[in-house]
N, C-alpha and C. Protein backbone atom coordinates (compact mmCIF):
# COMPACT_ATOMS: atom_id res chain seq x y z
N MET A 1 0.84 -1.17 0.00
CA MET A 1 0.00 0.00 0.00
C MET A 1 0.89 1.24 0.00
N GLU A 2 0.48 2.21 -0.80
CA GLU A 2 1.21 3.47 -0.86
C GLU A 2 0.38 4.56 -0.20
N LEU A 3 0.98 5.25 0.76
CA LEU A 3 0.36 6.42 1.37
C LEU A 3 1.01 7.66 0.76
N VAL A 4 0.18 8.57 0.29
CA VAL A 4 0.68 9.82 -0.27
C VAL A 4 0.15 10.95 0.60
N PHE A 5 1.02 11.50 1.42
CA PHE A 5 0.65 12.65 2.25
C PHE A 5 0.84 13.91 1.42
N ILE A 6 -0.17 14.77 1.44
CA ILE A 6 -0.11 16.03 0.70
C ILE A 6 -0.47 17.16 1.64
N ARG A 7 0.40 18.17 1.67
CA ARG A 7 0.09 19.34 2.48
C ARG A 7 -0.92 20.20 1.72
N HIS A 8 -1.86 20.74 2.44
CA HIS A 8 -2.90 21.60 1.84
C HIS A 8 -2.29 22.79 1.12
N GLY A 9 -3.11 23.47 0.31
CA GLY A 9 -2.66 24.65 -0.42
C GLY A 9 -2.49 25.86 0.49
N GLN A 10 -1.97 26.93 -0.11
CA GLN A 10 -1.73 28.17 0.66
C GLN A 10 -3.01 28.63 1.36
N GLU A 11 -2.87 28.99 2.62
CA GLU A 11 -4.00 29.34 3.43
C GLU A 11 -3.96 30.80 3.87
N GLU A 12 -5.12 31.34 4.18
CA GLU A 12 -5.25 32.75 4.55
C GLU A 12 -4.45 33.14 5.78
N HIS A 13 -4.34 32.25 6.74
CA HIS A 13 -3.74 32.62 8.02
C HIS A 13 -2.21 32.72 8.00
N THR A 14 -1.57 32.39 6.89
CA THR A 14 -0.11 32.51 6.86
C THR A 14 0.37 33.71 6.05
N LEU A 15 -0.56 34.52 5.59
CA LEU A 15 -0.18 35.65 4.74
C LEU A 15 0.50 36.78 5.51
N PHE A 16 0.06 37.04 6.73
CA PHE A 16 0.60 38.16 7.49
C PHE A 16 0.88 37.76 8.95
N PRO A 17 1.79 36.80 9.14
CA PRO A 17 2.08 36.36 10.51
C PRO A 17 2.80 37.46 11.29
N PRO A 18 2.75 37.46 12.58
CA PRO A 18 2.10 36.48 13.44
C PRO A 18 0.60 36.77 13.67
N GLU A 19 0.14 37.98 13.32
CA GLU A 19 -1.26 38.34 13.60
C GLU A 19 -2.23 37.39 12.90
N SER A 20 -1.96 37.05 11.65
CA SER A 20 -2.91 36.24 10.89
C SER A 20 -3.03 34.80 11.42
N LEU A 21 -2.08 34.37 12.24
CA LEU A 21 -2.15 33.03 12.81
C LEU A 21 -3.31 32.89 13.79
N HIS A 22 -3.89 34.00 14.17
CA HIS A 22 -5.00 33.98 15.12
C HIS A 22 -6.36 34.02 14.44
N ILE A 23 -6.39 33.90 13.11
CA ILE A 23 -7.64 33.82 12.37
C ILE A 23 -8.29 32.47 12.68
N THR A 24 -9.57 32.48 12.95
CA THR A 24 -10.30 31.24 13.20
C THR A 24 -10.90 30.74 11.89
N ASP A 25 -10.77 29.47 11.62
CA ASP A 25 -11.35 28.81 10.45
C ASP A 25 -10.88 29.41 9.10
N PRO A 26 -9.56 29.56 8.93
CA PRO A 26 -9.08 30.11 7.66
C PRO A 26 -9.24 29.12 6.49
N GLY A 27 -9.51 29.66 5.33
CA GLY A 27 -9.62 28.86 4.13
C GLY A 27 -8.40 29.07 3.23
N LEU A 28 -8.52 28.56 2.02
CA LEU A 28 -7.45 28.72 1.04
C LEU A 28 -7.47 30.13 0.45
N THR A 29 -6.30 30.61 0.08
CA THR A 29 -6.20 31.84 -0.69
C THR A 29 -6.48 31.49 -2.16
N GLU A 30 -6.51 32.48 -3.01
CA GLU A 30 -6.68 32.20 -4.44
C GLU A 30 -5.51 31.37 -4.95
N ALA A 31 -4.30 31.69 -4.48
CA ALA A 31 -3.12 30.88 -4.87
C ALA A 31 -3.29 29.44 -4.39
N GLY A 32 -3.85 29.25 -3.19
CA GLY A 32 -4.09 27.91 -2.66
C GLY A 32 -5.10 27.15 -3.49
N ARG A 33 -6.11 27.84 -3.99
CA ARG A 33 -7.11 27.19 -4.86
C ARG A 33 -6.45 26.73 -6.16
N LEU A 34 -5.59 27.57 -6.70
CA LEU A 34 -4.88 27.19 -7.94
C LEU A 34 -3.95 26.01 -7.68
N GLN A 35 -3.32 25.98 -6.51
CA GLN A 35 -2.46 24.85 -6.16
C GLN A 35 -3.28 23.56 -6.08
N ALA A 36 -4.49 23.66 -5.50
CA ALA A 36 -5.35 22.48 -5.40
C ALA A 36 -5.76 21.99 -6.79
N ILE A 37 -6.04 22.92 -7.68
CA ILE A 37 -6.38 22.55 -9.07
C ILE A 37 -5.20 21.84 -9.73
N SER A 38 -3.98 22.30 -9.42
CA SER A 38 -2.79 21.67 -10.02
C SER A 38 -2.63 20.20 -9.62
N LEU A 39 -3.22 19.83 -8.48
CA LEU A 39 -3.16 18.42 -8.06
C LEU A 39 -3.89 17.52 -9.04
N GLN A 40 -4.89 18.06 -9.75
CA GLN A 40 -5.65 17.25 -10.70
C GLN A 40 -4.75 16.69 -11.80
N LYS A 41 -3.73 17.43 -12.20
CA LYS A 41 -2.78 16.94 -13.21
C LYS A 41 -1.67 16.12 -12.57
N GLN A 42 -1.21 16.55 -11.40
CA GLN A 42 -0.11 15.86 -10.73
C GLN A 42 -0.53 14.48 -10.23
N PHE A 43 -1.74 14.38 -9.68
CA PHE A 43 -2.26 13.13 -9.15
C PHE A 43 -3.70 12.94 -9.63
N PRO A 44 -3.90 12.50 -10.87
CA PRO A 44 -5.26 12.28 -11.36
C PRO A 44 -5.96 11.21 -10.52
N LEU A 45 -7.19 11.50 -10.15
CA LEU A 45 -7.95 10.59 -9.29
C LEU A 45 -8.94 9.75 -10.09
N SER A 46 -9.27 8.59 -9.54
CA SER A 46 -10.30 7.74 -10.13
C SER A 46 -11.22 7.26 -9.02
N GLU A 47 -12.25 6.53 -9.39
CA GLU A 47 -13.23 6.05 -8.40
C GLU A 47 -12.62 5.04 -7.43
N THR A 48 -11.46 4.50 -7.73
CA THR A 48 -10.83 3.54 -6.81
C THR A 48 -9.96 4.22 -5.75
N ASP A 49 -9.78 5.52 -5.87
CA ASP A 49 -8.91 6.24 -4.94
C ASP A 49 -9.65 6.64 -3.66
N LEU A 50 -8.88 6.80 -2.60
CA LEU A 50 -9.40 7.25 -1.32
C LEU A 50 -8.60 8.47 -0.89
N ILE A 51 -9.32 9.52 -0.50
CA ILE A 51 -8.70 10.71 0.09
C ILE A 51 -9.15 10.77 1.54
N ILE A 52 -8.19 10.93 2.43
CA ILE A 52 -8.49 11.16 3.84
C ILE A 52 -8.02 12.58 4.16
N SER A 53 -8.94 13.41 4.65
CA SER A 53 -8.64 14.81 4.92
C SER A 53 -8.74 15.13 6.40
N SER A 54 -7.92 16.05 6.81
CA SER A 54 -8.02 16.64 8.13
C SER A 54 -9.31 17.46 8.19
N PRO A 55 -9.94 17.57 9.36
CA PRO A 55 -11.20 18.32 9.47
C PRO A 55 -11.02 19.83 9.66
N LEU A 56 -10.26 20.44 8.78
CA LEU A 56 -10.13 21.90 8.76
C LEU A 56 -10.51 22.40 7.38
N ARG A 57 -11.01 23.60 7.32
CA ARG A 57 -11.49 24.16 6.06
C ARG A 57 -10.43 24.09 4.95
N ARG A 58 -9.19 24.45 5.25
CA ARG A 58 -8.16 24.51 4.20
C ARG A 58 -7.84 23.13 3.62
N THR A 59 -7.87 22.09 4.44
CA THR A 59 -7.60 20.74 3.92
C THR A 59 -8.82 20.22 3.16
N LEU A 60 -10.00 20.47 3.70
CA LEU A 60 -11.22 20.03 3.02
C LEU A 60 -11.39 20.73 1.67
N GLN A 61 -11.08 22.02 1.62
CA GLN A 61 -11.15 22.75 0.35
C GLN A 61 -10.15 22.19 -0.65
N THR A 62 -8.93 21.89 -0.18
CA THR A 62 -7.91 21.32 -1.07
C THR A 62 -8.43 20.01 -1.66
N ALA A 63 -8.95 19.13 -0.81
CA ALA A 63 -9.46 17.83 -1.28
C ALA A 63 -10.66 18.01 -2.20
N GLN A 64 -11.55 18.92 -1.87
CA GLN A 64 -12.76 19.13 -2.67
C GLN A 64 -12.42 19.66 -4.07
N ILE A 65 -11.54 20.63 -4.13
CA ILE A 65 -11.15 21.20 -5.43
C ILE A 65 -10.41 20.15 -6.25
N TRP A 66 -9.48 19.45 -5.64
CA TRP A 66 -8.68 18.43 -6.33
C TRP A 66 -9.57 17.32 -6.88
N SER A 67 -10.57 16.90 -6.12
CA SER A 67 -11.39 15.74 -6.52
C SER A 67 -12.61 16.12 -7.35
N GLU A 68 -12.77 17.38 -7.66
CA GLU A 68 -13.94 17.82 -8.43
C GLU A 68 -14.04 17.04 -9.74
N GLY A 69 -15.23 16.52 -9.99
CA GLY A 69 -15.47 15.78 -11.22
C GLY A 69 -15.10 14.30 -11.15
N THR A 70 -14.66 13.83 -9.99
CA THR A 70 -14.34 12.40 -9.84
C THR A 70 -15.27 11.80 -8.79
N CYS A 71 -15.36 10.52 -8.79
CA CYS A 71 -16.21 9.80 -7.83
C CYS A 71 -15.39 9.07 -6.79
N CYS A 72 -14.24 9.60 -6.44
CA CYS A 72 -13.41 8.91 -5.45
C CYS A 72 -14.04 9.05 -4.07
N GLU A 73 -13.66 8.16 -3.20
CA GLU A 73 -14.14 8.18 -1.83
C GLU A 73 -13.38 9.24 -1.05
N LYS A 74 -14.11 10.03 -0.24
CA LYS A 74 -13.49 11.09 0.57
C LYS A 74 -13.94 10.93 2.02
N VAL A 75 -12.95 10.92 2.90
CA VAL A 75 -13.18 10.69 4.32
C VAL A 75 -12.54 11.83 5.11
N VAL A 76 -13.16 12.20 6.23
CA VAL A 76 -12.61 13.20 7.15
C VAL A 76 -12.23 12.49 8.44
N SER A 77 -10.99 12.68 8.88
CA SER A 77 -10.51 12.01 10.10
C SER A 77 -9.75 12.99 10.99
N PRO A 78 -10.08 13.01 12.29
CA PRO A 78 -9.32 13.85 13.21
C PRO A 78 -7.91 13.32 13.47
N LEU A 79 -7.63 12.09 13.04
CA LEU A 79 -6.31 11.51 13.27
C LEU A 79 -5.24 12.09 12.34
N VAL A 80 -5.64 12.95 11.40
CA VAL A 80 -4.67 13.66 10.55
C VAL A 80 -4.86 15.18 10.69
N SER A 81 -5.45 15.59 11.81
CA SER A 81 -5.65 17.01 12.08
C SER A 81 -4.31 17.67 12.44
N PRO A 82 -4.28 18.99 12.62
CA PRO A 82 -3.00 19.65 12.92
C PRO A 82 -2.30 19.08 14.13
N ARG A 83 -0.98 19.06 14.04
CA ARG A 83 -0.14 18.57 15.14
C ARG A 83 1.11 19.43 15.22
N MET A 84 1.40 19.91 16.43
CA MET A 84 2.62 20.69 16.64
C MET A 84 3.83 19.79 16.43
N PHE A 85 4.82 20.34 15.77
CA PHE A 85 6.06 19.60 15.58
C PHE A 85 7.22 20.58 15.64
N PRO A 86 8.18 20.34 16.50
CA PRO A 86 8.21 19.30 17.52
C PRO A 86 7.24 19.64 18.64
N GLN A 87 6.96 18.67 19.49
CA GLN A 87 6.04 18.89 20.60
C GLN A 87 6.72 19.70 21.70
N ASN A 88 5.96 20.63 22.26
CA ASN A 88 6.43 21.40 23.40
C ASN A 88 5.21 21.67 24.27
N PRO A 89 5.12 21.08 25.45
CA PRO A 89 3.94 21.24 26.29
C PRO A 89 3.65 22.69 26.69
N GLU A 90 4.66 23.55 26.58
CA GLU A 90 4.47 24.95 26.94
C GLU A 90 3.79 25.75 25.82
N TRP A 91 3.77 25.25 24.61
CA TRP A 91 3.15 25.96 23.50
C TRP A 91 1.64 25.80 23.53
N ALA A 92 0.95 26.83 23.10
CA ALA A 92 -0.52 26.77 23.03
C ALA A 92 -0.92 26.54 21.57
N ALA A 93 -2.01 25.83 21.39
CA ALA A 93 -2.55 25.63 20.04
C ALA A 93 -3.11 26.96 19.55
N LEU A 94 -3.02 27.20 18.26
CA LEU A 94 -3.50 28.45 17.67
C LEU A 94 -4.95 28.31 17.19
N PRO A 95 -5.70 29.41 17.19
CA PRO A 95 -7.09 29.35 16.72
C PRO A 95 -7.22 28.86 15.27
N CYS A 96 -6.22 29.09 14.45
CA CYS A 96 -6.28 28.66 13.05
C CYS A 96 -6.27 27.13 12.92
N ASP A 97 -5.95 26.43 14.00
CA ASP A 97 -5.87 24.97 13.97
C ASP A 97 -7.03 24.27 14.68
N ASN A 98 -8.09 25.01 14.99
CA ASN A 98 -9.27 24.40 15.61
C ASN A 98 -10.02 23.57 14.58
N LEU A 99 -10.40 22.36 14.97
CA LEU A 99 -11.14 21.47 14.08
C LEU A 99 -12.55 22.00 13.82
N LEU A 100 -13.02 21.81 12.59
CA LEU A 100 -14.41 22.14 12.29
C LEU A 100 -15.30 21.13 13.02
N PRO A 101 -16.38 21.57 13.61
CA PRO A 101 -17.31 20.61 14.22
C PRO A 101 -17.88 19.68 13.14
N LYS A 102 -18.18 18.45 13.53
CA LYS A 102 -18.72 17.47 12.58
C LYS A 102 -19.97 18.01 11.87
N GLU A 103 -20.81 18.74 12.58
CA GLU A 103 -22.04 19.28 11.99
C GLU A 103 -21.72 20.24 10.85
N LYS A 104 -20.69 21.05 11.05
CA LYS A 104 -20.29 22.02 10.02
C LYS A 104 -19.69 21.30 8.81
N VAL A 105 -18.93 20.25 9.06
CA VAL A 105 -18.37 19.46 7.96
C VAL A 105 -19.51 18.85 7.15
N LYS A 106 -20.50 18.26 7.85
CA LYS A 106 -21.65 17.64 7.17
C LYS A 106 -22.41 18.66 6.34
N GLU A 107 -22.54 19.86 6.86
CA GLU A 107 -23.31 20.92 6.19
C GLU A 107 -22.57 21.48 4.97
N GLU A 108 -21.27 21.74 5.11
CA GLU A 108 -20.52 22.43 4.06
C GLU A 108 -19.73 21.50 3.13
N PHE A 109 -19.44 20.31 3.59
CA PHE A 109 -18.65 19.36 2.80
C PHE A 109 -19.37 18.01 2.82
N ASN A 110 -20.60 17.99 2.33
CA ASN A 110 -21.47 16.83 2.49
C ASN A 110 -21.10 15.62 1.63
N ASP A 111 -20.10 15.76 0.75
CA ASP A 111 -19.67 14.61 -0.03
C ASP A 111 -18.52 13.85 0.65
N PHE A 112 -18.20 14.23 1.88
CA PHE A 112 -17.17 13.56 2.67
C PHE A 112 -17.84 12.67 3.72
N PHE A 113 -17.28 11.49 3.93
CA PHE A 113 -17.72 10.59 5.00
C PHE A 113 -16.96 10.97 6.27
N ILE A 114 -17.66 11.11 7.37
CA ILE A 114 -17.02 11.48 8.64
C ILE A 114 -16.74 10.23 9.46
N GLU A 115 -15.49 10.05 9.84
CA GLU A 115 -15.11 8.91 10.66
C GLU A 115 -15.53 9.16 12.10
N GLU A 116 -16.63 8.58 12.48
CA GLU A 116 -17.20 8.78 13.81
C GLU A 116 -16.47 7.99 14.89
N GLN A 117 -15.80 6.89 14.52
CA GLN A 117 -15.23 6.01 15.53
C GLN A 117 -14.09 6.64 16.31
N PHE A 118 -13.61 7.79 15.89
CA PHE A 118 -12.52 8.45 16.60
C PHE A 118 -13.04 9.65 17.40
N GLY A 119 -14.20 9.46 18.02
CA GLY A 119 -14.92 10.53 18.70
C GLY A 119 -14.10 11.35 19.67
N GLU A 120 -13.27 10.67 20.48
CA GLU A 120 -12.49 11.40 21.47
C GLU A 120 -11.57 12.44 20.82
N TRP A 121 -11.09 12.15 19.60
CA TRP A 121 -10.16 13.07 18.93
C TRP A 121 -10.89 14.18 18.19
N TRP A 122 -12.19 14.01 17.96
CA TRP A 122 -12.98 15.09 17.34
C TRP A 122 -13.08 16.28 18.29
N SER A 123 -13.10 16.04 19.57
CA SER A 123 -13.27 17.14 20.52
C SER A 123 -11.96 17.86 20.82
N LYS A 124 -10.84 17.13 20.83
CA LYS A 124 -9.59 17.78 21.22
C LYS A 124 -8.52 17.80 20.14
N GLY A 125 -8.65 17.01 19.11
CA GLY A 125 -7.62 16.95 18.08
C GLY A 125 -6.35 16.30 18.60
N ILE A 126 -5.35 16.21 17.74
CA ILE A 126 -4.09 15.56 18.11
C ILE A 126 -2.96 16.56 18.27
N ASN A 127 -3.27 17.85 18.20
CA ASN A 127 -2.27 18.91 18.17
C ASN A 127 -1.25 18.82 19.30
N LYS A 128 -1.69 18.61 20.51
CA LYS A 128 -0.78 18.63 21.66
C LYS A 128 -0.58 17.26 22.29
N SER A 129 -0.91 16.21 21.56
CA SER A 129 -0.73 14.86 22.13
C SER A 129 0.75 14.55 22.27
N SER A 130 1.09 13.88 23.36
CA SER A 130 2.48 13.52 23.62
C SER A 130 2.97 12.55 22.54
N GLU A 131 4.27 12.34 22.49
CA GLU A 131 4.85 11.40 21.52
C GLU A 131 4.30 10.00 21.75
N GLN A 132 4.16 9.60 22.99
CA GLN A 132 3.64 8.27 23.31
C GLN A 132 2.19 8.13 22.85
N VAL A 133 1.38 9.13 23.11
CA VAL A 133 -0.02 9.10 22.68
C VAL A 133 -0.10 9.14 21.16
N PHE A 134 0.74 9.98 20.55
CA PHE A 134 0.72 10.05 19.08
C PHE A 134 1.10 8.71 18.46
N ALA A 135 2.05 7.99 19.04
CA ALA A 135 2.43 6.67 18.51
C ALA A 135 1.22 5.74 18.50
N SER A 136 0.41 5.81 19.52
CA SER A 136 -0.81 5.01 19.57
C SER A 136 -1.81 5.45 18.50
N ILE A 137 -1.94 6.76 18.32
CA ILE A 137 -2.83 7.33 17.29
C ILE A 137 -2.36 6.89 15.91
N ALA A 138 -1.05 7.03 15.66
CA ALA A 138 -0.49 6.68 14.36
C ALA A 138 -0.71 5.19 14.05
N LYS A 139 -0.50 4.36 15.04
CA LYS A 139 -0.70 2.92 14.84
C LYS A 139 -2.16 2.64 14.49
N ARG A 140 -3.05 3.27 15.20
CA ARG A 140 -4.49 3.09 14.95
C ARG A 140 -4.87 3.59 13.54
N PHE A 141 -4.35 4.74 13.16
CA PHE A 141 -4.66 5.30 11.85
C PHE A 141 -4.10 4.42 10.73
N LEU A 142 -2.87 3.98 10.87
CA LEU A 142 -2.25 3.16 9.82
C LEU A 142 -2.96 1.80 9.70
N ASN A 143 -3.38 1.25 10.81
CA ASN A 143 -4.17 0.01 10.76
C ASN A 143 -5.48 0.24 10.03
N ARG A 144 -6.11 1.38 10.28
CA ARG A 144 -7.35 1.73 9.60
C ARG A 144 -7.10 1.83 8.08
N CYS A 145 -5.97 2.41 7.70
CA CYS A 145 -5.63 2.51 6.27
C CYS A 145 -5.47 1.13 5.66
N LYS A 146 -4.79 0.23 6.35
CA LYS A 146 -4.60 -1.14 5.85
C LYS A 146 -5.94 -1.84 5.64
N GLN A 147 -6.87 -1.60 6.53
CA GLN A 147 -8.17 -2.26 6.47
C GLN A 147 -9.01 -1.83 5.27
N THR A 148 -8.65 -0.72 4.64
CA THR A 148 -9.42 -0.26 3.48
C THR A 148 -9.21 -1.17 2.28
N GLY A 149 -8.06 -1.84 2.21
CA GLY A 149 -7.74 -2.67 1.06
C GLY A 149 -7.32 -1.86 -0.16
N LYS A 150 -7.17 -0.57 -0.02
CA LYS A 150 -6.78 0.29 -1.14
C LYS A 150 -5.28 0.16 -1.40
N GLU A 151 -4.90 0.27 -2.67
CA GLU A 151 -3.49 0.24 -3.03
C GLU A 151 -2.82 1.58 -2.77
N ARG A 152 -3.59 2.66 -2.91
CA ARG A 152 -3.05 4.00 -2.69
C ARG A 152 -4.08 4.83 -1.94
N ILE A 153 -3.59 5.54 -0.91
CA ILE A 153 -4.44 6.43 -0.13
C ILE A 153 -3.76 7.79 -0.10
N TYR A 154 -4.53 8.82 -0.41
CA TYR A 154 -4.04 10.20 -0.34
C TYR A 154 -4.51 10.81 0.97
N ILE A 155 -3.60 11.46 1.67
CA ILE A 155 -3.92 12.07 2.96
C ILE A 155 -3.61 13.55 2.87
N ILE A 156 -4.65 14.38 2.98
CA ILE A 156 -4.48 15.84 2.94
C ILE A 156 -4.37 16.31 4.39
N SER A 157 -3.22 16.87 4.73
CA SER A 157 -2.98 17.20 6.12
C SER A 157 -2.11 18.46 6.24
N HIS A 158 -1.36 18.54 7.33
CA HIS A 158 -0.62 19.74 7.73
C HIS A 158 0.86 19.40 7.90
N ASP A 159 1.71 20.41 7.80
CA ASP A 159 3.16 20.18 7.83
C ASP A 159 3.61 19.42 9.08
N GLY A 160 3.18 19.83 10.26
CA GLY A 160 3.59 19.15 11.49
C GLY A 160 3.05 17.73 11.59
N THR A 161 1.83 17.53 11.11
CA THR A 161 1.21 16.20 11.16
C THR A 161 1.93 15.25 10.20
N ILE A 162 2.16 15.72 8.99
CA ILE A 162 2.85 14.89 8.00
C ILE A 162 4.24 14.52 8.51
N THR A 163 4.94 15.48 9.08
CA THR A 163 6.28 15.22 9.59
C THR A 163 6.23 14.25 10.78
N SER A 164 5.21 14.37 11.62
CA SER A 164 5.05 13.43 12.74
C SER A 164 4.83 12.01 12.25
N TYR A 165 3.95 11.85 11.25
CA TYR A 165 3.72 10.51 10.69
C TYR A 165 4.99 9.98 10.01
N ARG A 166 5.67 10.84 9.31
CA ARG A 166 6.91 10.43 8.63
C ARG A 166 7.94 9.95 9.65
N GLN A 167 8.10 10.70 10.72
CA GLN A 167 9.06 10.32 11.76
C GLN A 167 8.65 8.98 12.39
N TYR A 168 7.37 8.82 12.67
CA TYR A 168 6.88 7.57 13.26
C TYR A 168 7.12 6.39 12.32
N MET A 169 6.82 6.57 11.05
CA MET A 169 6.90 5.45 10.09
C MET A 169 8.33 5.09 9.71
N THR A 170 9.21 6.08 9.66
CA THR A 170 10.59 5.80 9.24
C THR A 170 11.53 5.56 10.41
N GLY A 171 11.14 6.03 11.60
CA GLY A 171 12.01 5.89 12.76
C GLY A 171 13.18 6.87 12.76
N ARG A 172 13.19 7.80 11.80
CA ARG A 172 14.27 8.81 11.72
C ARG A 172 13.86 10.06 12.49
N LYS A 173 14.81 10.69 13.16
CA LYS A 173 14.57 11.94 13.88
C LYS A 173 14.49 13.06 12.84
N LEU A 174 13.39 13.80 12.83
CA LEU A 174 13.18 14.88 11.86
C LEU A 174 13.07 16.22 12.57
N SER A 175 13.12 17.29 11.78
CA SER A 175 13.00 18.64 12.33
C SER A 175 12.06 19.46 11.45
N ARG A 176 11.84 20.70 11.83
CA ARG A 176 10.97 21.58 11.04
C ARG A 176 11.54 21.79 9.63
N ASN A 177 12.83 21.57 9.46
CA ASN A 177 13.43 21.68 8.12
C ASN A 177 12.89 20.60 7.18
N ASP A 178 12.29 19.57 7.73
CA ASP A 178 11.73 18.47 6.93
C ASP A 178 10.27 18.70 6.55
N PHE A 179 9.70 19.84 6.93
CA PHE A 179 8.30 20.12 6.62
C PHE A 179 8.08 20.17 5.11
N PRO A 180 6.97 19.62 4.63
CA PRO A 180 6.64 19.76 3.21
C PRO A 180 6.15 21.18 2.92
N LYS A 181 6.38 21.65 1.73
CA LYS A 181 5.89 22.98 1.31
C LYS A 181 4.41 22.86 0.95
N GLU A 182 3.78 23.99 0.61
CA GLU A 182 2.38 23.97 0.18
C GLU A 182 2.22 23.01 -0.99
N ILE A 183 1.25 22.15 -0.91
CA ILE A 183 0.94 21.11 -1.88
C ILE A 183 2.13 20.15 -2.06
N GLY A 184 3.08 20.20 -1.14
CA GLY A 184 4.18 19.24 -1.17
C GLY A 184 3.66 17.85 -0.86
N ASP A 185 4.29 16.85 -1.44
CA ASP A 185 3.82 15.49 -1.21
C ASP A 185 4.94 14.61 -0.67
N LEU A 186 4.54 13.57 0.00
CA LEU A 186 5.46 12.60 0.58
C LEU A 186 4.84 11.23 0.35
N LYS A 187 5.53 10.37 -0.37
CA LYS A 187 5.04 9.01 -0.64
C LYS A 187 5.79 8.03 0.25
N ILE A 188 5.00 7.19 0.93
CA ILE A 188 5.58 6.16 1.79
C ILE A 188 4.90 4.84 1.48
N ASN A 189 5.70 3.84 1.13
CA ASN A 189 5.15 2.49 0.95
C ASN A 189 5.05 1.84 2.31
N PHE A 190 3.89 1.29 2.57
CA PHE A 190 3.63 0.78 3.91
C PHE A 190 3.10 -0.64 3.82
């Protein structure tokens, strides 16, 4: 099975930091929308493909724009929501990383299936979970991916989350220098 992690397109909250990092529920910029469209050529989708998206507007918009006109399966999971990297218990989560409530996802992104079985993570997300807790989350998520029977799964997520999964899966110590860029991808055979 091949997992393809893709970082979402350019988002509104990174245009004018640090003030813009406090925007709640930021979406994609126009450049981010164009980046999402570019995924259609870079990674053409079919009905056999599965996209798993983080439950934030910018990741859902990236997945929605990219998959427009295809009948691929789309799932929303809190197990790929924003995650601080590296972890520091003294840091606070930013408003731009608050998960959309399931009701809002159902209302605005109704072509996505919501993974209800991870209820505890819908309320708090994985942003500040310890390394030990994250290892348990990662194991659970990867097992869930295996159970799909899909040959390739696309995961639309965030730089810290992607780097956390990469570090967990490869066993290599990574840093913020290893973050993927906007619409950057990382392929891992699992």
